[in-house]
Amino acid sequence: WIMKPAGKSRGRGIAFSRDLEGILKETSGEEEQWICQKYIENPQLIHGYKFDIRQWVLVVDWNPLTVYRWNEPYLRFAASKYDDSLMDDDPFIHLVNNSISKDHPDFYKQNE
């Protein structure tokens, strides 16, 4: 399971757990609202790395539905290759957030 504090951004406060006891322990702090979701155990990978696609849209009307799409989406990648054993809670493997990845020791070397 992956837990995210509802009021935080940039990967702050994200935690992982394998059982209900761990979820309750992680979410019993000062944060009042959490998003808790089942971790995708077999994610789609690109060359062994987890990724997400950022695509922005602007909905200006519901009836008729009018949507404008930004033509330049981008992909974000995890800093370390995915380990399908799920034994490692390393955020560099599981999270694709740029605020997390920039702290990986090889981040700037890979992006020079």
Protein backbone atom coordinates (compact mmCIF):
# COMPACT_ATOMS: atom_id res chain seq x y z
CA TRP A 1 0.00 0.00 0.00
CA ILE A 2 1.09 3.57 -0.60
CA MET A 3 -0.07 6.42 1.64
CA LYS A 4 0.07 10.10 0.75
CA PRO A 5 -0.82 13.00 3.06
CA ALA A 6 -3.69 14.87 1.38
CA GLY A 7 -2.27 18.32 2.18
CA LYS A 8 1.28 17.86 0.92
CA SER A 9 2.97 17.91 -2.47
CA ARG A 10 6.35 17.13 -4.08
CA GLY A 11 6.53 13.64 -2.58
CA ARG A 12 6.60 14.84 1.02
CA GLY A 13 5.28 12.39 3.60
CA ILE A 14 4.72 9.44 1.25
CA ALA A 15 4.98 6.07 2.98
CA PHE A 16 4.63 2.40 2.04
CA SER A 17 3.15 -0.48 4.01
CA ARG A 18 2.47 -4.16 3.47
CA ASP A 19 -0.31 -4.53 6.07
CA LEU A 20 -3.12 -2.75 7.92
CA GLU A 21 -1.02 -2.31 11.08
CA GLY A 22 1.60 -0.41 9.10
CA ILE A 23 -1.04 1.75 7.43
CA LEU A 24 -2.58 2.69 10.78
CA LYS A 25 0.85 3.44 12.24
CA GLU A 26 1.88 5.66 9.31
CA THR A 27 -1.41 7.57 9.22
CA SER A 28 -1.78 8.20 12.96
CA GLY A 29 0.44 11.31 12.98
CA GLU A 30 -0.48 14.97 12.81
CA GLU A 31 -1.92 14.77 9.28
CA GLU A 32 -5.69 14.37 9.36
CA GLN A 33 -6.44 13.25 5.81
CA TRP A 34 -4.58 10.61 3.83
CA ILE A 35 -4.92 9.02 0.44
CA CYS A 36 -4.28 5.29 0.73
CA GLN A 37 -4.23 3.14 -2.36
CA LYS A 38 -3.21 -0.34 -3.38
CA TYR A 39 0.26 -0.32 -4.87
CA ILE A 40 0.39 -1.45 -8.51
CA GLU A 41 2.49 -4.59 -8.20
CA ASN A 42 3.12 -5.12 -11.90
CA PRO A 43 3.48 -1.62 -13.39
CA GLN A 44 4.16 -0.73 -16.99
CA LEU A 45 7.90 -0.02 -17.34
CA ILE A 46 10.14 1.69 -19.88
CA HIS A 47 13.59 0.07 -19.98
CA GLY A 48 12.97 -1.22 -16.43
CA TYR A 49 11.95 2.14 -14.90
CA LYS A 50 8.57 3.21 -13.53
CA PHE A 51 7.17 6.33 -15.17
CA ASP A 52 4.14 8.57 -15.40
CA ILE A 53 2.83 10.84 -18.11
CA ARG A 54 1.94 14.45 -17.31
CA GLN A 55 -0.73 15.80 -19.64
CA TRP A 56 -2.64 19.00 -18.92
CA VAL A 57 -6.16 19.80 -20.06
CA LEU A 58 -8.49 22.73 -19.51
CA VAL A 59 -12.22 22.02 -19.36
CA VAL A 60 -14.08 25.25 -20.10
CA ASP A 61 -17.60 23.89 -20.42
CA TRP A 62 -19.51 20.70 -19.58
CA ASN A 63 -22.41 21.11 -22.00
CA PRO A 64 -21.28 20.91 -24.69
CA LEU A 65 -18.07 19.41 -23.41
CA THR A 66 -15.23 21.75 -24.43
CA VAL A 67 -11.69 20.68 -23.60
CA TYR A 68 -8.36 22.22 -24.54
CA ARG A 69 -5.28 20.00 -24.40
CA TRP A 70 -1.72 21.23 -23.90
CA ASN A 71 0.32 19.77 -26.76
CA GLU A 72 3.52 19.15 -24.81
CA PRO A 73 3.06 16.38 -22.23
CA TYR A 74 6.13 14.97 -20.56
CA LEU A 75 7.21 11.75 -18.91
CA ARG A 76 8.72 11.45 -15.45
CA PHE A 77 10.89 8.45 -14.55
CA ALA A 78 11.95 6.86 -11.29
CA ALA A 79 15.65 7.34 -10.54
CA SER A 80 16.37 3.61 -9.99
CA LYS A 81 15.29 0.53 -11.90
CA TYR A 82 12.16 -1.23 -10.68
CA ASP A 83 12.59 -4.31 -8.46
CA ASP A 84 9.58 -6.58 -8.83
CA SER A 85 10.30 -8.39 -5.56
CA LEU A 86 8.74 -5.36 -3.77
CA MET A 87 11.11 -5.98 -0.86
CA ASP A 88 12.80 -2.59 -1.17
CA ASP A 89 10.89 0.51 -0.04
CA ASP A 90 13.42 2.79 -1.73
CA PRO A 91 11.53 5.87 -2.98
CA PHE A 92 13.97 6.15 -5.91
CA ILE A 93 12.51 2.87 -7.24
CA HIS A 94 8.83 3.48 -6.57
CA LEU A 95 8.26 7.22 -6.94
CA VAL A 96 8.61 9.24 -10.14
CA ASN A 97 8.29 12.64 -8.48
CA ASN A 98 11.02 15.08 -9.61
CA SER A 99 11.35 16.37 -6.04
CA ILE A 100 12.37 12.84 -5.00
CA SER A 101 14.47 11.89 -8.03
CA LYS A 102 16.67 15.00 -7.87
CA ASP A 103 18.17 13.69 -4.60
CA HIS A 104 19.39 10.45 -6.20
CA PRO A 105 23.22 10.33 -6.27
CA ASP A 106 23.29 9.76 -10.05
CA PHE A 107 20.51 12.18 -11.02
CA TYR A 108 22.68 14.97 -12.38
CA LYS A 109 25.17 12.56 -13.94
CA GLN A 110 22.38 10.91 -15.96
CA ASN A 111 20.98 14.28 -17.04
CA GLU A 112 24.14 16.11 -18.11
